[in-house]
Amino acid sequence: MKNIDNIKAKGNRIMVMLLMLVALLGASSCKKDVRGELKGGEQKPLAITLSKNTVVLEETAFANDAVEFTWTAGTNLGTNSSIGYKLLFDKKGNGFKNAAIVDMGKATFAKKYSVKDFNTLLLDELHLTPGVETALDVRLVATISGSKKGDSTNTAITVTPYQPVTTTLYLIGDATPNGWDAGNATPLILSSTTPGLYTWQGRLSSGEFKFITTLGQFSPSYNKGATDKALLLHTLDSQPDEKFKIATGNLYMITVNLLNLSINIVEGDEPPYTALWIVGDATPNGWNIDAPNTMRLDRSNPFVFTYSGLLKAGDFKIPTATGDWGTDFYMPLVNYPEITATGVQLV
């Protein structure tokens, strides 16, 4: 009986040893397969693919996707080093002598351009002519970190960029605050998100106006188009020089969209206050409600008041009248906001 038990025990030890051997062989086999897969991945040729080979850019679609470049990882030649990538763009046949170079960094395998960003690259870096179709060579360069060794692959794309609309626009005319003085024309405010979208709010007199793009220059200009809601880009003396007409002097809100050549003119209301002040221990006159510091009214926009002067560490708020702490005040939405906060409430 003892011998049988010994045999069973010995048999169990043999089984355990066999199981361990199988496990080791399996692990070794798996490890070999993984290395084989990595090795195969490292040796995969560098290649680049485009989402489209012909791109015609239009500013009305500025926020849309223009084109995407994607590429394979390439090889690090078994060094276990990381790989950095660069995209090069140049006119076809120029041999990348004047290439625009975009550093893509490491572990990045795609670059998607918006219409606006790709157009900027084509105009500012390659100096292409707007509205003209141009063939480009594109090169992807992969460089192994810590080494001069690497690889590259080429492709091609045909592009047509656009001429962006102006980033400055001014009111000019006898209906405007500064008249026909092109050197002192009244600026409109450009949208921070939409190219070519401008607004202005202020007082217009009875008379005419149009828009210029550059201070001191009457051309190019945006004039009245076929209707009162349409604009015409005026670049030639032979073109009509129609102006917008204001029949009654009043406050107006003007919205201009240069992308679709439209204009909207809305007659507005008077501002609720014609004078405002600033009071508080941060101001030169302190908490003296009888003589607070005066804010300056913008001559071209009666809704805008500014204060230019020394402020100390402290508090302030904006009264709508003097001599009375019971008057209405413009205050921040929360106490002690960031100095960049723009929200206010009338209390």
Foldseek 3Di string as FASTA:
>chain_A
DVVVVVVVVVVVVVVVVVVVVVVVVVVVVVVVVVVVVVVVLQADAKDKDKPDFEFEFAQVQQQAWTIKMFIGLYHLPPPPFWKWKKKWKAFPPPPSPQTDIDTPGTPDGMDIDGSNRVLCCCCVRHVDDAQDKTKMKMKMWIATPPDRDTDMDIDIHIYHHHDFDAPWKFKEDQFAPVHHQLQDTHTWDADPPGGQKTKDKFKTAFTWIWMDRDRPDPPQTWADDPDLFFTDGRHDPPDDRHTRGDHHIAIWMWIAHPSRRTIDIGGDDDDPAQWKFKEDCQAPVHRQLQDGHTWDADNGHRVDTHDDDGTHPTDMWMFRHGDDPPGKIWAAPDPPDPPPDDHTDID
